[in-house]
Amino acid sequence: MISKLKTECGCQFTCKLEGMFKDMSISNSVNEKFREVTKEMPPLSIDLNVRVLTTGYWPISPSKVTSKLPKEAEIAFERFKNFYLKDHSGRQLNLQPHLGQADINAIFYQKKR
Protein backbone atom coordinates (compact mmCIF):
# COMPACT_ATOMS: atom_id res chain seq x y z
CA MET A 1 0.00 0.00 0.00
CA ILE A 2 2.80 2.40 0.86
CA SER A 3 4.54 1.60 -2.40
CA LYS A 4 1.37 2.52 -4.31
CA LEU A 5 1.16 5.82 -2.42
CA LYS A 6 4.84 6.45 -3.14
CA THR A 7 4.27 5.82 -6.84
CA GLU A 8 1.21 8.07 -6.98
CA CYS A 9 2.21 10.86 -4.61
CA GLY A 10 6.01 10.76 -4.43
CA CYS A 11 8.58 9.84 -1.83
CA GLN A 12 8.18 13.03 0.22
CA PHE A 13 4.52 12.26 0.83
CA THR A 14 5.16 8.78 2.25
CA CYS A 15 8.43 9.40 4.11
CA LYS A 16 6.84 10.01 7.52
CA LEU A 17 4.37 7.18 7.10
CA GLU A 18 7.20 4.77 6.32
CA GLY A 19 9.02 6.03 9.42
CA MET A 20 5.93 5.40 11.55
CA PHE A 21 5.66 1.80 10.35
CA LYS A 22 9.38 1.31 10.94
CA ASP A 23 9.03 2.69 14.50
CA MET A 24 6.24 0.24 15.27
CA SER A 25 8.24 -2.70 13.92
CA ILE A 26 11.37 -1.71 15.84
CA SER A 27 9.33 -1.16 19.02
CA ASN A 28 7.96 -4.69 18.80
CA SER A 29 11.43 -6.19 18.51
CA VAL A 30 12.79 -3.98 21.32
CA ASN A 31 9.93 -5.10 23.59
CA GLU A 32 10.70 -8.75 22.82
CA LYS A 33 14.39 -8.25 23.64
CA PHE A 34 13.45 -6.40 26.85
CA ARG A 35 11.23 -9.29 27.95
CA GLU A 36 14.06 -11.75 27.30
CA VAL A 37 16.56 -9.71 29.30
CA THR A 38 14.17 -9.10 32.21
CA LYS A 39 13.51 -12.84 32.62
CA GLU A 40 16.90 -12.95 34.34
CA MET A 41 15.98 -10.09 36.73
CA PRO A 42 13.50 -9.86 39.59
CA PRO A 43 10.02 -9.69 38.01
CA LEU A 44 8.26 -6.37 37.57
CA SER A 45 4.90 -5.97 39.28
CA ILE A 46 3.40 -4.56 36.05
CA ASP A 47 3.33 -5.65 32.42
CA LEU A 48 5.22 -2.96 30.50
CA ASN A 49 4.83 -2.42 26.76
CA VAL A 50 6.80 0.54 25.38
CA ARG A 51 6.61 2.27 22.00
CA VAL A 52 9.81 4.07 21.05
CA LEU A 53 8.80 6.71 18.51
CA THR A 54 10.99 8.99 16.40
CA THR A 55 10.06 12.59 17.13
CA GLY A 56 10.06 13.81 13.52
CA TYR A 57 7.65 11.17 12.23
CA TRP A 58 4.84 11.52 14.74
CA PRO A 59 2.62 14.57 15.40
CA ILE A 60 3.35 14.53 19.13
CA SER A 61 3.86 17.60 21.25
CA PRO A 62 5.24 17.41 24.79
CA SER A 63 2.63 17.47 27.52
CA LYS A 64 2.40 20.59 29.62
CA VAL A 65 0.70 18.59 32.35
CA THR A 66 2.98 16.90 34.84
CA SER A 67 1.84 13.62 36.25
CA LYS A 68 3.10 11.49 39.08
CA LEU A 69 3.47 7.86 38.07
CA PRO A 70 2.97 5.05 40.56
CA LYS A 71 6.21 3.73 42.03
CA GLU A 72 5.88 0.43 40.13
CA ALA A 73 5.54 2.24 36.79
CA GLU A 74 8.56 4.45 37.54
CA ILE A 75 10.67 1.39 38.40
CA ALA A 76 9.56 -0.40 35.21
CA PHE A 77 10.29 2.63 33.02
CA GLU A 78 13.73 3.13 34.58
CA ARG A 79 14.54 -0.53 33.93
CA PHE A 80 13.46 -0.17 30.30
CA LYS A 81 15.35 3.11 29.92
CA ASN A 82 18.58 1.54 31.24
CA PHE A 83 18.10 -1.45 28.92
CA TYR A 84 17.40 0.71 25.86
CA LEU A 85 20.15 3.29 26.38
CA LYS A 86 22.75 0.55 26.92
CA ASP A 87 22.34 -0.43 23.25
CA HIS A 88 21.39 2.98 21.85
CA SER A 89 23.76 5.47 23.45
CA GLY A 90 23.35 9.11 22.49
CA ARG A 91 19.57 8.86 22.20
CA GLN A 92 17.09 10.43 24.55
CA LEU A 93 13.93 8.79 25.89
CA ASN A 94 11.06 10.97 27.03
CA LEU A 95 8.13 9.40 28.79
CA GLN A 96 4.79 10.68 27.46
CA PRO A 97 2.29 9.44 30.08
CA HIS A 98 -0.58 11.42 28.52
CA LEU A 99 -0.35 9.12 25.47
CA GLY A 100 -0.32 5.88 27.44
CA GLN A 101 -2.97 3.60 28.76
CA ALA A 102 -3.39 1.34 31.74
CA ASP A 103 -5.65 -1.58 32.53
CA ILE A 104 -6.53 -1.93 36.19
CA ASN A 105 -7.79 -5.16 37.66
CA ALA A 106 -9.67 -4.96 40.96
CA ILE A 107 -11.39 -7.44 43.22
CA PHE A 108 -14.40 -6.21 45.13
CA TYR A 109 -15.58 -8.20 48.13
CA GLN A 110 -19.14 -8.35 49.32
CA LYS A 111 -20.16 -6.05 52.09
CA LYS A 112 -20.27 -7.69 55.52
CA ARG A 113 -23.65 -7.32 57.14
C-alpha atoms as a PDB file:
ATOM      1  CA  MET A   1       0.000   0.000   0.000  1.00  0.00           C
ATOM      2  CA  ILE A   2       2.802   2.400   0.859  1.00  0.00           C
ATOM      3  CA  SER A   3       4.544   1.605  -2.399  1.00  0.00           C
ATOM      4  CA  LYS A   4       1.368   2.519  -4.310  1.00  0.00           C
ATOM      5  CA  LEU A   5       1.161   5.816  -2.422  1.00  0.00           C
ATOM      6  CA  LYS A   6       4.842   6.454  -3.136  1.00  0.00           C
ATOM      7  CA  THR A   7       4.273   5.822  -6.840  1.00  0.00           C
ATOM      8  CA  GLU A   8       1.213   8.070  -6.984  1.00  0.00           C
ATOM      9  CA  CYS A   9       2.211  10.863  -4.606  1.00  0.00           C
ATOM     10  CA  GLY A  10       6.007  10.756  -4.428  1.00  0.00           C
ATOM     11  CA  CYS A  11       8.583   9.839  -1.828  1.00  0.00           C
ATOM     12  CA  GLN A  12       8.181  13.026   0.223  1.00  0.00           C
ATOM     13  CA  PHE A  13       4.522  12.257   0.829  1.00  0.00           C
ATOM     14  CA  THR A  14       5.164   8.776   2.251  1.00  0.00           C
ATOM     15  CA  CYS A  15       8.432   9.400   4.114  1.00  0.00           C
ATOM     16  CA  LYS A  16       6.840  10.015   7.516  1.00  0.00           C
ATOM     17  CA  LEU A  17       4.366   7.183   7.096  1.00  0.00           C
ATOM     18  CA  GLU A  18       7.201   4.766   6.324  1.00  0.00           C
ATOM     19  CA  GLY A  19       9.018   6.030   9.423  1.00  0.00           C
ATOM     20  CA  MET A  20       5.929   5.397  11.546  1.00  0.00           C
ATOM     21  CA  PHE A  21       5.658   1.798  10.354  1.00  0.00           C
ATOM     22  CA  LYS A  22       9.378   1.309  10.941  1.00  0.00           C
ATOM     23  CA  ASP A  23       9.032   2.687  14.505  1.00  0.00           C
ATOM     24  CA  MET A  24       6.241   0.239  15.274  1.00  0.00           C
ATOM     25  CA  SER A  25       8.241  -2.696  13.922  1.00  0.00           C
ATOM     26  CA  ILE A  26      11.365  -1.713  15.841  1.00  0.00           C
ATOM     27  CA  SER A  27       9.330  -1.162  19.018  1.00  0.00           C
ATOM     28  CA  ASN A  28       7.955  -4.694  18.795  1.00  0.00           C
ATOM     29  CA  SER A  29      11.429  -6.191  18.506  1.00  0.00           C
ATOM     30  CA  VAL A  30      12.786  -3.977  21.322  1.00  0.00           C
ATOM     31  CA  ASN A  31       9.928  -5.097  23.589  1.00  0.00           C
ATOM     32  CA  GLU A  32      10.702  -8.752  22.823  1.00  0.00           C
ATOM     33  CA  LYS A  33      14.390  -8.249  23.643  1.00  0.00           C
ATOM     34  CA  PHE A  34      13.450  -6.397  26.852  1.00  0.00           C
ATOM     35  CA  ARG A  35      11.234  -9.288  27.950  1.00  0.00           C
ATOM     36  CA  GLU A  36      14.057 -11.751  27.297  1.00  0.00           C
ATOM     37  CA  VAL A  37      16.560  -9.707  29.302  1.00  0.00           C
ATOM     38  CA  THR A  38      14.166  -9.102  32.214  1.00  0.00           C
ATOM     39  CA  LYS A  39      13.514 -12.841  32.617  1.00  0.00           C
ATOM     40  CA  GLU A  40      16.905 -12.948  34.337  1.00  0.00           C
ATOM     41  CA  MET A  41      15.981 -10.088  36.727  1.00  0.00           C
ATOM     42  CA  PRO A  42      13.497  -9.864  39.588  1.00  0.00           C
ATOM     43  CA  PRO A  43      10.019  -9.694  38.014  1.00  0.00           C
ATOM     44  CA  LEU A  44       8.257  -6.373  37.571  1.00  0.00           C
ATOM     45  CA  SER A  45       4.902  -5.968  39.276  1.00  0.00           C
ATOM     46  CA  ILE A  46       3.401  -4.556  36.052  1.00  0.00           C
ATOM     47  CA  ASP A  47       3.331  -5.652  32.423  1.00  0.00           C
ATOM     48  CA  LEU A  48       5.222  -2.960  30.502  1.00  0.00           C
ATOM     49  CA  ASN A  49       4.832  -2.424  26.757  1.00  0.00           C
ATOM     50  CA  VAL A  50       6.799   0.538  25.380  1.00  0.00           C
ATOM     51  CA  ARG A  51       6.608   2.274  22.000  1.00  0.00           C
ATOM     52  CA  VAL A  52       9.814   4.071  21.047  1.00  0.00           C
ATOM     53  CA  LEU A  53       8.802   6.711  18.509  1.00  0.00           C
ATOM     54  CA  THR A  54      10.991   8.987  16.403  1.00  0.00           C
ATOM     55  CA  THR A  55      10.061  12.595  17.128  1.00  0.00           C
ATOM     56  CA  GLY A  56      10.060  13.813  13.521  1.00  0.00           C
ATOM     57  CA  TYR A  57       7.647  11.170  12.234  1.00  0.00           C
ATOM     58  CA  TRP A  58       4.838  11.525  14.742  1.00  0.00           C
ATOM     59  CA  PRO A  59       2.624  14.568  15.396  1.00  0.00           C
ATOM     60  CA  ILE A  60       3.354  14.529  19.125  1.00  0.00           C
ATOM     61  CA  SER A  61       3.859  17.597  21.250  1.00  0.00           C
ATOM     62  CA  PRO A  62       5.235  17.412  24.786  1.00  0.00           C
ATOM     63  CA  SER A  63       2.627  17.467  27.516  1.00  0.00           C
ATOM     64  CA  LYS A  64       2.402  20.592  29.617  1.00  0.00           C
ATOM     65  CA  VAL A  65       0.698  18.588  32.353  1.00  0.00           C
ATOM     66  CA  THR A  66       2.985  16.898  34.835  1.00  0.00           C
ATOM     67  CA  SER A  67       1.840  13.622  36.247  1.00  0.00           C
ATOM     68  CA  LYS A  68       3.105  11.487  39.075  1.00  0.00           C
ATOM     69  CA  LEU A  69       3.469   7.862  38.075  1.00  0.00           C
ATOM     70  CA  PRO A  70       2.973   5.053  40.561  1.00  0.00           C
ATOM     71  CA  LYS A  71       6.209   3.731  42.032  1.00  0.00           C
ATOM     72  CA  GLU A  72       5.877   0.432  40.133  1.00  0.00           C
ATOM     73  CA  ALA A  73       5.539   2.244  36.794  1.00  0.00           C
ATOM     74  CA  GLU A  74       8.557   4.455  37.536  1.00  0.00           C
ATOM     75  CA  ILE A  75      10.669   1.394  38.396  1.00  0.00           C
ATOM     76  CA  ALA A  76       9.557  -0.395  35.213  1.00  0.00           C
ATOM     77  CA  PHE A  77      10.291   2.634  33.022  1.00  0.00           C
ATOM     78  CA  GLU A  78      13.726   3.134  34.583  1.00  0.00           C
ATOM     79  CA  ARG A  79      14.537  -0.531  33.929  1.00  0.00           C
ATOM     80  CA  PHE A  80      13.458  -0.166  30.302  1.00  0.00           C
ATOM     81  CA  LYS A  81      15.348   3.115  29.924  1.00  0.00           C
ATOM     82  CA  ASN A  82      18.576   1.544  31.237  1.00  0.00           C
ATOM     83  CA  PHE A  83      18.100  -1.450  28.918  1.00  0.00           C
ATOM     84  CA  TYR A  84      17.403   0.715  25.856  1.00  0.00           C
ATOM     85  CA  LEU A  85      20.151   3.291  26.377  1.00  0.00           C
ATOM     86  CA  LYS A  86      22.747   0.546  26.915  1.00  0.00           C
ATOM     87  CA  ASP A  87      22.343  -0.433  23.245  1.00  0.00           C
ATOM     88  CA  HIS A  88      21.389   2.984  21.853  1.00  0.00           C
ATOM     89  CA  SER A  89      23.758   5.474  23.454  1.00  0.00           C
ATOM     90  CA  GLY A  90      23.354   9.106  22.486  1.00  0.00           C
ATOM     91  CA  ARG A  91      19.574   8.863  22.201  1.00  0.00           C
ATOM     92  CA  GLN A  92      17.090  10.434  24.545  1.00  0.00           C
ATOM     93  CA  LEU A  93      13.933   8.793  25.885  1.00  0.00           C
ATOM     94  CA  ASN A  94      11.063  10.967  27.032  1.00  0.00           C
ATOM     95  CA  LEU A  95       8.127   9.400  28.786  1.00  0.00           C
ATOM     96  CA  GLN A  96       4.791  10.676  27.457  1.00  0.00           C
ATOM     97  CA  PRO A  97       2.286   9.442  30.080  1.00  0.00           C
ATOM     98  CA  HIS A  98      -0.576  11.417  28.522  1.00  0.00           C
ATOM     99  CA  LEU A  99      -0.352   9.122  25.473  1.00  0.00           C
ATOM    100  CA  GLY A 100      -0.325   5.883  27.443  1.00  0.00           C
ATOM    101  CA  GLN A 101      -2.972   3.604  28.760  1.00  0.00           C
ATOM    102  CA  ALA A 102      -3.395   1.341  31.745  1.00  0.00           C
ATOM    103  CA  ASP A 103      -5.646  -1.584  32.531  1.00  0.00           C
ATOM    104  CA  ILE A 104      -6.533  -1.927  36.188  1.00  0.00           C
ATOM    105  CA  ASN A 105      -7.789  -5.164  37.663  1.00  0.00           C
ATOM    106  CA  ALA A 106      -9.667  -4.963  40.957  1.00  0.00           C
ATOM    107  CA  ILE A 107     -11.394  -7.443  43.223  1.00  0.00           C
ATOM    108  CA  PHE A 108     -14.403  -6.212  45.131  1.00  0.00           C
ATOM    109  CA  TYR A 109     -15.577  -8.198  48.129  1.00  0.00           C
ATOM    110  CA  GLN A 110     -19.135  -8.345  49.318  1.00  0.00           C
ATOM    111  CA  LYS A 111     -20.161  -6.048  52.094  1.00  0.00           C
ATOM    112  CA  LYS A 112     -20.265  -7.694  55.524  1.00  0.00           C
ATOM    113  CA  ARG A 113     -23.651  -7.320  57.137  1.00  0.00           C
END
